[in-house]
Every structure is written in structure tokens, then in C-alpha cells.
Amino acid sequence: MPGGTVKDCLTAIGISPSALSGAGRLSEEWAQIKKSYFKKVLASHPDKGGDAAVFRDVQNSFEVLRKIFEAGDVKSFATAGEQSTSEMYKGTKEDFKSASTPSWEYYAEAAKEIYATYRLELAKSGRSRCMAQGGKKACTEDPPFIEKGCVRIGFMQTTGSYGRWVHLQCWRIPSKIWLGLPNPEKVRDGKKFEKALLRMNEVSLSGVGELTAAQRKQVVRYAMDKTHWTFGGASEKVRKKSSKPEATAKGRSASDKKTQSTALVVAGKQKESFVIPTPGKGAPKGSLAGQTFTITGVFPEVGGGQGFNLGKDRVKKMITSFGGKVTSSVSSKTDILVVGKDPGSSKVAKARSNPQTRLLSVHDVKVGIQRGSLEGVGAKTMTIQSFNTAFGQGRKLALANTAARKRPAAASGGVSKARRIT
């Protein structure tokens, strides 16, 4: 019977319980489940000629798993394969019968992120500022603080936490959200909008289920007004915007270019997950012995942890398992600075000023581990797209940029740009 057990639901979305056994925590299992789900739902979506029955089974199965995860009903999906889900599956199937089907573009947008991109919640204090800008900004206070207890919406930042909060009335609902909602020009049932928003929890929009009924009603009323939607809710504009090719191969025919420009491009986000090597299994033991490492930035591709520790513990464990030593700060004894996303400019500047310290990405380190040596790995100058300047390290950032021009770093690329993280 479809959806009869947790195992059935996992199988329907293209993953087995055994495939999750290597994950350390439930949240990590969930990340793998989501990845498998989006791959399967995009392939089976009727908009792209997929089998409607398969699509519905995938959709129903994932919704069951999402509810289980949200409620914390299992400690691990890997060991809960035989847990019955038949009644939940039947109820979910019934709910979807009267629900509109989100477009293929909605799933493609949602598939780009590991965690829910947006969060709805009540302001915890009166100190957060509304970061909305432009003509659609509705608040007039100066400064524009969000009053404690008011509904606010935040954006998932590279640090792994939500920020850049805005008032509900200032929120321009992004296509990543409204592509998953019914068309308000055809559907005026608020309950259907509420269910659609709740189904986005742990996918693209979290926190809706934590609001009271009255607060959810407020959000639903706002979401049912298309004037609050980006692009005015015109999905064809989303397709056009998302499908622009980054480069066209020389000699490609005009018809090829036209075909390429009408398809939503998501391949760039569907990369293989980072697999940590195991000593003695395709990677020599002691590959990093005798070397001292420092870690900076976050590593979303590795996963595990959150906030400023996103991925760091796993990177540290990988290094130490192959004999390397990890210290918290850069010194004259540091051999390698492992640079993640939005690194600290202080550590980068200090590493670049030290002739014996090399800058490598976590992927470079992995390649070295598999080879048995870091020698010759990451020979090009490293490109650092943005620094974590949340602690006002502007002077050090300038030092890092200056040093980068003077001496190449051992990794890939070299232009730096500051970005404020709030």
C-alpha cells in the first residue's frame, strides 16, 4: 500500500532508510530527504510531462514525512522504517484533492536551498529594525523599529541564522513563496491559502504553524493580495528571469539559444553533496599528520551545526581523523587556513601575512586527503567573494585585500568584496 509506512514514504521520494544511516542527526537526515524529494518531484511534475499519479504519490509521501519531522515523532528516519503512516497518508491524500498544484517553477526555486529561506515569527523585542526598502515600504516610523509581538519576516543568511527582518505590511512576497500559493484571482478560500503556507514549513517558509489562528489569518489576508507579490504574481516573468544563460557556447545555433532561454535553470544548485572521506577507505590514513590547521567561515556544503558553526565541527573532525591538528587562531605555526563562505577578514589577513600559511578550501583539503598529501593542491590564487564583516573589521578587510594582491593564496581565484551581515 502506498504510504503505509515511513519506509514506503521514503521509497516514494527516492531514498531508502539505509541511505540515511550515515547522518548524525535528524536534521541532517531531513536535509537528505529534501534533496531526494525535490529531485523526484521535479522529474515527475506534470508541467514537464511527468506521470501525475507518481507526482501525487511523491507529494503525499513527502508531506507525511514533513509532518513527522515537524512534530518530532521519530528520533531517526533511518530506524523508523516500519512505523505506520497509513492513516496520515490517507488524510494527506484527501487534503491534496482540493488543493491547487504548485507549478514546476515553485519546486525548482525551493530546491535551491537546504533550509527554509524565509521565517515568520513575532518580534521578540522592540529593537529590530525593518529593513524594507523602496516604494513598497509601508512603515513610516523613524527609526523603523518592529514593535514587540508584531509579525515579522526574516531571510536566511549565510551565517545559518535569520535576519534582515521586515514588517509583514512591508514584505514583498517573493516568487519562491507565491509560486506555491493558489491564484487569488481564482481561489478566494482563505483555508486553502493557509494550508499551502503550512505545507511550506521546513521547505521554503518556516514559522507559520507557530502563529496563533488570528495571526495566521492576518498573514493569509496579506498573502491573498497579489499587489504584495513580486512581479505582480506573473509566473512567466519568473521563468524568463530564472532562465537567462550565463554563457553561450561559441557556434551554438540560434534555435539552441532560444531553447536554452525558455527553460528554468536549476542545475547550478543541484550539486552533489560533500562526502567526508574515511581514513583507510579511498584515502590514506595520516594524510594530514604533522600539519596545523585553522578554520574560518561557514561550510553549508558540509552541513551540521548552525549559525557561525555551520559545518565547522565536521571539517574539524575530518582534519583530525587524518592526523591534522586544528587550532582556533592563526599563528606562525599555522600551515593551512581552511577558508569557507564569508570568512573572517582578520584570520585571512593574518594568514596572508604569514609566508608559510596557505589558504585552501575544504574541497582542496579533501583532494589532498585522497591523494595522501596537500602538496601541489590549490595552486591558484583564492577568490573570496565576501567577508564576514559583522564585527566591524573594515581595516582588517582592507589589509586582507592588499595582502591578496601582493601574494597569491593556495586555492582558487582572488577578488574580495565586503558584505554586512546583520
Protein backbone atom coordinates (compact mmCIF):
# COMPACT_ATOMS: atom_id res chain seq x y z
CA MET A 1 0.00 0.00 0.00
CA PRO A 2 1.42 3.44 -0.97
CA GLY A 3 2.38 5.49 2.08
CA GLY A 4 1.72 2.65 4.50
CA THR A 5 4.98 3.06 6.43
CA VAL A 6 7.82 5.54 6.81
CA LYS A 7 9.87 3.27 4.54
CA ASP A 8 7.15 3.42 1.85
CA CYS A 9 7.12 7.21 2.01
CA LEU A 10 10.90 7.40 1.80
CA THR A 11 10.95 4.98 -1.13
CA ALA A 12 8.32 7.06 -2.95
CA ILE A 13 10.56 10.12 -2.86
CA GLY A 14 13.60 8.15 -4.00
CA ILE A 15 15.57 7.37 -0.85
CA SER A 16 15.88 4.36 1.45
CA PRO A 17 16.21 4.32 5.26
CA SER A 18 19.66 2.74 4.93
CA ALA A 19 20.84 5.73 2.87
CA LEU A 20 20.17 7.91 5.92
CA SER A 21 22.12 5.77 8.36
CA GLY A 22 25.27 7.85 7.95
CA ALA A 23 23.61 11.08 9.06
CA GLY A 24 24.43 12.10 12.59
CA ARG A 25 21.20 13.85 13.50
CA LEU A 26 17.56 14.04 12.47
CA SER A 27 18.08 17.49 10.92
CA GLU A 28 20.81 16.05 8.71
CA GLU A 29 18.54 13.20 7.63
CA TRP A 30 15.91 15.79 6.78
CA ALA A 31 18.32 17.68 4.53
CA GLN A 32 18.98 14.45 2.59
CA ILE A 33 15.25 13.69 2.41
CA LYS A 34 14.52 17.13 0.98
CA LYS A 35 17.22 16.81 -1.64
CA SER A 36 15.88 13.45 -2.80
CA TYR A 37 12.30 14.73 -2.75
CA PHE A 38 13.00 17.75 -4.96
CA LYS A 39 14.88 15.62 -7.45
CA LYS A 40 11.94 13.22 -7.70
CA VAL A 41 9.16 15.83 -7.67
CA LEU A 42 10.82 17.89 -10.41
CA ALA A 43 11.25 14.79 -12.58
CA SER A 44 7.63 13.65 -12.10
CA HIS A 45 5.89 17.05 -12.30
CA PRO A 46 3.04 17.09 -14.86
CA ASP A 47 4.23 20.50 -16.17
CA LYS A 48 7.24 18.70 -17.62
CA GLY A 49 5.35 15.67 -18.91
CA GLY A 50 5.68 13.62 -15.74
CA ASP A 51 3.27 10.97 -14.52
CA ALA A 52 0.53 12.72 -12.50
CA ALA A 53 -0.06 9.65 -10.29
CA VAL A 54 3.64 9.38 -9.43
CA PHE A 55 3.79 13.10 -8.75
CA ARG A 56 0.86 12.90 -6.32
CA ASP A 57 2.38 9.93 -4.50
CA VAL A 58 5.68 11.80 -4.16
CA GLN A 59 3.87 14.91 -2.95
CA ASN A 60 1.73 12.99 -0.45
CA SER A 61 4.66 10.94 0.87
CA PHE A 62 6.83 13.98 1.44
CA GLU A 63 4.04 15.82 3.24
CA VAL A 64 3.68 12.84 5.62
CA LEU A 65 7.42 12.87 6.30
CA ARG A 66 7.38 16.65 6.76
CA LYS A 67 4.62 16.39 9.38
CA ILE A 68 6.53 13.66 11.21
CA PHE A 69 9.69 15.76 11.21
CA GLU A 70 7.86 18.89 12.29
CA ALA A 71 6.18 17.10 15.18
CA GLY A 72 9.36 15.29 16.22
CA ASP A 73 7.57 11.93 16.06
CA VAL A 74 10.75 9.99 15.26
CA LYS A 75 14.28 10.10 16.61
CA SER A 76 15.62 8.89 13.28
CA PHE A 77 14.00 8.14 9.92
CA ALA A 78 16.74 5.59 9.34
CA THR A 79 15.44 3.37 12.15
CA ALA A 80 11.72 4.15 11.85
CA GLY A 81 11.11 2.44 8.53
CA GLU A 82 8.34 0.15 9.79
CA GLN A 83 6.41 2.89 11.62
CA SER A 84 2.85 3.03 10.26
CA THR A 85 1.83 6.14 8.34
CA SER A 86 -1.25 4.79 6.54
CA GLU A 87 -3.83 7.00 8.28
CA MET A 88 -1.69 10.11 7.92
CA TYR A 89 -1.14 9.31 4.25
CA LYS A 90 -4.88 8.90 3.64
CA GLY A 91 -5.60 12.24 5.31
CA THR A 92 -2.89 14.00 3.35
CA LYS A 93 -4.13 12.48 0.11
CA GLU A 94 -7.61 13.79 0.86
CA ASP A 95 -6.27 17.28 1.60
CA PHE A 96 -4.39 17.43 -1.69
CA LYS A 97 -7.51 16.51 -3.69
CA SER A 98 -8.91 20.01 -3.24
CA ALA A 99 -5.55 21.80 -3.36
CA SER A 100 -4.12 23.52 -6.41
CA THR A 101 -0.90 22.03 -7.79
CA PRO A 102 2.13 24.33 -7.39
CA SER A 103 3.99 24.93 -10.64
CA TRP A 104 7.24 23.19 -11.55
CA GLU A 105 8.96 26.57 -11.03
CA TYR A 106 7.90 26.62 -7.37
CA TYR A 107 9.66 23.33 -6.67
CA ALA A 108 12.69 24.38 -8.71
CA GLU A 109 13.04 27.55 -6.63
CA ALA A 110 12.55 25.69 -3.33
CA ALA A 111 15.12 23.06 -4.34
CA LYS A 112 17.87 25.68 -4.42
CA GLU A 113 18.14 25.96 -0.65
CA ILE A 114 18.95 23.46 2.10
CA TYR A 115 16.92 25.28 4.75
CA ALA A 116 13.72 27.33 4.59
CA THR A 117 14.70 30.65 3.02
CA TYR A 118 12.17 32.73 4.98
CA ARG A 119 10.79 32.73 8.50
CA LEU A 120 7.64 34.22 10.00
CA GLU A 121 7.60 34.96 13.70
CA LEU A 122 6.60 37.50 16.33
CA ALA A 123 9.20 40.18 17.08
CA LYS A 124 10.91 39.15 20.31
CA SER A 125 11.77 42.72 21.30
CA GLY A 126 11.23 46.22 20.03
CA ARG A 127 14.84 46.57 18.91
CA SER A 128 14.87 45.01 15.43
CA ARG A 129 14.67 47.45 12.55
CA CYS A 130 12.51 46.96 9.47
CA MET A 131 14.98 46.52 6.62
CA ALA A 132 12.43 47.01 3.82
CA GLN A 133 13.37 49.45 1.08
CA GLY A 134 11.79 51.03 -1.97
CA GLY A 135 8.35 52.34 -2.81
CA LYS A 136 6.53 49.35 -1.31
CA LYS A 137 7.85 50.05 2.21
CA ALA A 138 4.71 50.64 4.27
CA CYS A 139 6.07 51.61 7.70
CA THR A 140 6.66 55.30 8.35
CA GLU A 141 8.34 55.22 11.78
CA ASP A 142 11.77 56.76 12.14
CA PRO A 143 13.70 54.75 13.09
CA PRO A 144 11.57 51.90 11.69
CA PHE A 145 11.64 49.53 14.67
CA ILE A 146 9.39 46.45 14.60
CA GLU A 147 7.20 46.55 17.69
CA LYS A 148 7.48 43.59 20.07
CA GLY A 149 4.79 40.99 19.34
CA CYS A 150 4.22 42.11 15.73
CA VAL A 151 4.56 39.61 12.89
CA ARG A 152 7.90 39.95 11.13
CA ILE A 153 9.60 38.09 8.28
CA GLY A 154 13.30 37.27 8.12
CA PHE A 155 15.68 35.94 5.47
CA MET A 156 18.10 33.03 5.91
CA GLN A 157 21.63 34.42 5.82
CA THR A 158 24.91 32.72 5.01
CA THR A 159 25.66 32.51 8.74
CA GLY A 160 22.83 29.96 9.08
CA SER A 161 20.51 32.30 11.02
CA TYR A 162 17.60 34.54 10.03
CA GLY A 163 17.99 38.29 9.77
CA ARG A 164 17.08 41.38 7.73
CA TRP A 165 13.63 41.42 9.31
CA VAL A 166 10.73 43.37 7.83
CA HIS A 167 7.19 44.19 8.95
CA LEU A 168 4.50 41.97 7.47
CA GLN A 169 2.98 45.02 5.76
CA CYS A 170 6.37 45.82 4.16
CA TRP A 171 7.04 42.32 2.87
CA ARG A 172 7.28 41.85 -0.88
CA ILE A 173 6.26 38.19 -1.10
CA PRO A 174 8.94 36.51 -3.26
CA SER A 175 8.22 34.12 -6.11
CA LYS A 176 9.74 31.31 -4.03
CA ILE A 177 6.63 31.65 -1.85
CA TRP A 178 3.80 32.79 -4.11
CA LEU A 179 4.53 30.16 -6.78
CA GLY A 180 3.34 27.65 -4.16
CA LEU A 181 0.08 29.51 -3.41
CA PRO A 182 -3.30 29.26 -5.15
CA ASN A 183 -4.10 32.01 -7.65
CA PRO A 184 -6.18 34.55 -5.64
CA GLU A 185 -7.93 35.59 -8.83
CA LYS A 186 -9.46 32.10 -8.98
CA VAL A 187 -9.39 30.91 -5.36
CA ARG A 188 -10.80 33.04 -2.52
CA ASP A 189 -10.89 30.36 0.19
CA GLY A 190 -8.51 31.51 2.92
CA LYS A 191 -8.26 27.99 4.35
CA LYS A 192 -6.63 26.77 1.12
CA PHE A 193 -4.05 29.54 1.35
CA GLU A 194 -3.41 28.71 5.00
CA LYS A 195 -2.83 25.02 4.19
CA ALA A 196 -0.50 25.96 1.33
CA LEU A 197 1.55 28.18 3.66
CA LEU A 198 1.68 25.48 6.34
CA ARG A 199 2.96 22.94 3.79
CA MET A 200 5.91 25.25 3.15
CA ASN A 201 7.20 24.74 6.69
CA GLU A 202 10.71 23.25 6.70
CA VAL A 203 10.76 23.78 2.92
CA SER A 204 10.70 27.46 1.95
CA LEU A 205 8.84 29.30 4.74
CA SER A 206 9.06 28.34 8.41
CA GLY A 207 7.17 29.56 11.45
CA VAL A 208 3.62 29.74 10.08
CA GLY A 209 2.44 26.88 12.30
CA GLU A 210 3.85 28.63 15.40
CA LEU A 211 1.50 31.60 15.00
CA THR A 212 -1.95 31.76 16.59
CA ALA A 213 -5.04 31.29 14.42
CA ALA A 214 -5.66 35.06 14.41
CA GLN A 215 -2.06 35.79 13.40
CA ARG A 216 -2.18 33.19 10.63
CA LYS A 217 -5.38 34.77 9.38
CA GLN A 218 -3.56 38.12 9.21
CA VAL A 219 -0.77 36.53 7.15
CA VAL A 220 -3.27 34.76 4.88
CA ARG A 221 -5.15 38.01 4.15
CA TYR A 222 -1.87 39.65 3.22
CA ALA A 223 -0.79 36.73 1.02
CA MET A 224 -4.12 36.70 -0.84
CA ASP A 225 -3.45 40.19 -2.19
CA LYS A 226 -1.46 39.92 -5.43
CA THR A 227 -0.26 43.51 -5.15
CA HIS A 228 2.07 42.23 -2.41
CA TRP A 229 3.65 39.66 -4.73
CA THR A 230 6.89 40.31 -6.61
CA PHE A 231 6.39 40.60 -10.39
CA GLY A 232 2.70 41.06 -9.62
CA GLY A 233 2.42 37.29 -9.50
CA ALA A 234 3.34 36.89 -13.19
CA SER A 235 4.96 33.43 -13.33
CA GLU A 236 6.15 33.95 -16.91
CA LYS A 237 8.41 36.74 -15.63
CA VAL A 238 9.92 34.35 -13.08
CA ARG A 239 10.64 31.82 -15.84
CA LYS A 240 12.25 34.47 -18.01
CA LYS A 241 14.33 35.90 -15.15
CA SER A 242 15.48 32.47 -13.96
CA SER A 243 16.32 31.08 -17.37
CA LYS A 244 18.94 33.54 -18.61
CA PRO A 245 22.03 31.51 -19.55
CA GLU A 246 25.29 32.66 -18.00
CA ALA A 247 27.23 31.97 -21.18
CA THR A 248 26.57 30.78 -24.71
CA ALA A 249 28.98 28.36 -26.34
CA LYS A 250 30.64 29.66 -29.47
CA GLY A 251 28.99 28.37 -32.61
CA ARG A 252 25.69 27.38 -30.96
CA SER A 253 22.71 27.79 -33.30
CA ALA A 254 20.03 30.43 -32.77
CA SER A 255 17.41 27.73 -32.19
CA ASP A 256 19.59 26.19 -29.46
CA LYS A 257 19.89 29.59 -27.77
CA LYS A 258 16.14 30.07 -27.90
CA THR A 259 15.51 26.64 -26.38
CA GLN A 260 18.00 27.30 -23.62
CA SER A 261 16.45 30.67 -22.75
CA THR A 262 12.97 29.27 -22.16
CA ALA A 263 13.95 26.66 -19.57
CA LEU A 264 14.35 27.39 -15.87
CA VAL A 265 17.97 26.74 -14.94
CA VAL A 266 18.45 24.96 -11.60
CA ALA A 267 21.42 22.75 -12.39
CA GLY A 268 23.79 25.12 -10.65
CA LYS A 269 22.18 24.33 -7.31
CA GLN A 270 21.85 20.59 -7.78
CA LYS A 271 25.45 19.75 -6.92
CA GLU A 272 26.49 16.53 -5.27
CA SER A 273 26.67 16.76 -1.51
CA PHE A 274 30.08 16.92 0.17
CA VAL A 275 31.10 13.43 1.25
CA ILE A 276 33.66 13.36 4.06
CA PRO A 277 36.43 10.81 3.34
CA THR A 278 37.10 7.99 5.80
CA PRO A 279 40.67 7.01 6.79
CA GLY A 280 41.71 3.83 5.03
CA LYS A 281 38.74 3.83 2.62
CA GLY A 282 39.91 5.51 -0.57
CA ALA A 283 42.00 7.95 1.44
CA PRO A 284 45.34 7.10 3.14
CA LYS A 285 45.48 7.30 6.92
CA GLY A 286 47.64 10.09 8.31
CA SER A 287 47.36 12.23 5.15
CA LEU A 288 47.44 15.40 7.26
CA ALA A 289 49.81 14.26 10.01
CA GLY A 290 52.15 16.91 11.38
CA GLN A 291 50.23 19.86 9.94
CA THR A 292 48.38 22.58 11.83
CA PHE A 293 45.09 23.97 10.56
CA THR A 294 42.80 26.88 11.41
CA ILE A 295 39.23 27.12 10.13
CA THR A 296 37.32 30.28 9.17
CA GLY A 297 33.91 30.92 7.63
CA VAL A 298 30.95 28.56 7.35
CA PHE A 299 30.61 25.37 5.30
CA PRO A 300 26.97 24.86 4.20
CA GLU A 301 28.06 22.20 1.69
CA VAL A 302 29.34 20.05 4.56
CA GLY A 303 26.32 20.61 6.82
CA GLY A 304 25.90 20.07 10.54
CA GLY A 305 25.75 22.80 13.17
CA GLN A 306 24.19 26.20 12.68
CA GLY A 307 24.97 29.91 12.76
CA PHE A 308 28.70 30.68 12.80
CA ASN A 309 29.43 26.96 13.40
CA LEU A 310 27.71 25.74 10.24
CA GLY A 311 29.80 22.79 9.04
CA LYS A 312 32.85 23.67 11.16
CA ASP A 313 32.69 20.72 13.55
CA ARG A 314 32.60 18.26 10.67
CA VAL A 315 35.51 19.93 8.90
CA LYS A 316 37.49 19.83 12.15
CA LYS A 317 36.65 16.14 12.65
CA MET A 318 37.70 15.36 9.09
CA ILE A 319 41.07 17.06 9.58
CA THR A 320 41.82 15.44 12.94
CA SER A 321 40.76 11.98 11.71
CA PHE A 322 43.60 12.18 9.17
CA GLY A 323 46.15 13.30 11.74
CA GLY A 324 45.93 17.07 11.41
CA LYS A 325 45.83 19.47 14.36
CA VAL A 326 43.19 22.24 14.49
CA THR A 327 43.74 25.49 16.40
CA SER A 328 41.28 28.33 16.97
CA SER A 329 43.53 31.15 15.72
CA VAL A 330 46.16 31.76 13.08
CA SER A 331 49.77 31.83 14.31
CA SER A 332 53.27 31.39 12.96
CA LYS A 333 52.75 27.63 13.39
CA THR A 334 49.64 27.52 11.15
CA ASP A 335 50.27 25.58 7.94
CA ILE A 336 46.78 25.76 6.42
CA LEU A 337 43.86 28.18 6.80
CA VAL A 338 40.73 26.36 5.61
CA VAL A 339 38.51 29.08 4.13
CA GLY A 340 34.74 28.67 3.97
CA LYS A 341 31.96 31.01 2.94
CA ASP A 342 32.16 34.54 4.43
CA PRO A 343 35.44 34.02 6.30
CA GLY A 344 36.75 36.32 9.00
CA SER A 345 38.92 39.01 7.41
CA SER A 346 41.21 39.05 10.47
CA LYS A 347 42.22 35.40 10.04
CA VAL A 348 42.62 35.80 6.28
CA ALA A 349 44.79 38.90 6.69
CA LYS A 350 46.99 37.21 9.29
CA ALA A 351 47.34 34.07 7.18
CA ARG A 352 48.27 36.05 4.09
CA SER A 353 50.90 37.97 6.02
CA ASN A 354 52.48 34.68 7.14
CA PRO A 355 54.69 33.24 4.33
CA GLN A 356 54.31 29.61 5.49
CA THR A 357 50.49 29.63 5.77
CA ARG A 358 48.49 28.50 2.74
CA LEU A 359 44.80 29.22 2.10
CA LEU A 360 42.77 26.22 0.95
CA SER A 361 39.09 25.47 0.51
CA VAL A 362 37.55 22.43 2.20
CA HIS A 363 37.37 20.81 -1.25
CA ASP A 364 41.12 21.36 -1.72
CA VAL A 365 41.76 19.69 1.63
CA LYS A 366 39.59 16.75 0.63
CA VAL A 367 41.53 16.32 -2.63
CA GLY A 368 44.80 16.38 -0.67
CA ILE A 369 43.49 13.80 1.78
CA GLN A 370 42.52 11.46 -1.05
CA ARG A 371 45.93 11.91 -2.68
CA GLY A 372 47.70 11.37 0.61
CA SER A 373 49.37 14.81 0.59
CA LEU A 374 48.43 18.50 0.29
CA GLU A 375 51.49 19.16 -1.84
CA GLY A 376 50.52 20.83 -5.12
CA VAL A 377 46.86 21.20 -4.11
CA GLY A 378 45.20 24.57 -4.73
CA ALA A 379 47.92 26.26 -6.74
CA LYS A 380 45.87 29.26 -7.90
CA THR A 381 45.04 32.50 -6.08
CA MET A 382 41.92 32.15 -3.93
CA THR A 383 38.80 34.15 -4.75
CA ILE A 384 36.97 35.31 -1.62
CA GLN A 385 33.58 36.59 -2.69
CA SER A 386 32.66 38.19 0.62
CA PHE A 387 33.97 38.55 4.15
CA ASN A 388 32.05 38.34 7.40
CA THR A 389 32.26 41.97 8.48
CA ALA A 390 29.65 41.69 11.22
CA PHE A 391 32.19 42.72 13.84
CA GLY A 392 33.39 45.87 12.10
CA GLN A 393 36.62 44.50 10.66
CA GLY A 394 36.85 47.04 7.85
CA ARG A 395 40.52 47.87 8.45
CA LYS A 396 41.48 44.21 8.55
CA LEU A 397 39.45 43.57 5.42
CA ALA A 398 41.47 46.22 3.62
CA LEU A 399 44.67 44.59 4.89
CA ALA A 400 43.48 41.21 3.61
CA ASN A 401 42.71 42.63 0.18
CA THR A 402 46.06 44.39 -0.02
CA ALA A 403 47.92 41.25 1.03
CA ALA A 404 45.97 39.21 -1.52
CA ARG A 405 47.24 41.39 -4.33
CA LYS A 406 50.81 41.12 -3.08
CA ARG A 407 50.92 37.34 -2.64
CA PRO A 408 48.80 34.58 -4.26
CA ALA A 409 46.93 32.22 -1.95
CA ALA A 410 46.92 28.49 -2.48
CA ALA A 411 43.40 27.74 -3.68
CA SER A 412 41.11 29.07 -6.39
CA GLY A 413 40.61 32.70 -7.66
CA GLY A 414 41.15 36.38 -5.84
CA VAL A 415 38.70 39.32 -5.80
CA SER A 416 37.25 40.37 -2.45
CA LYS A 417 34.08 42.24 -1.58
CA ALA A 418 32.74 43.18 1.84
CA ARG A 419 29.20 42.32 2.86
CA ARG A 420 27.50 43.40 6.04
CA ILE A 421 25.84 40.56 7.96
CA THR A 422 23.10 41.63 10.34
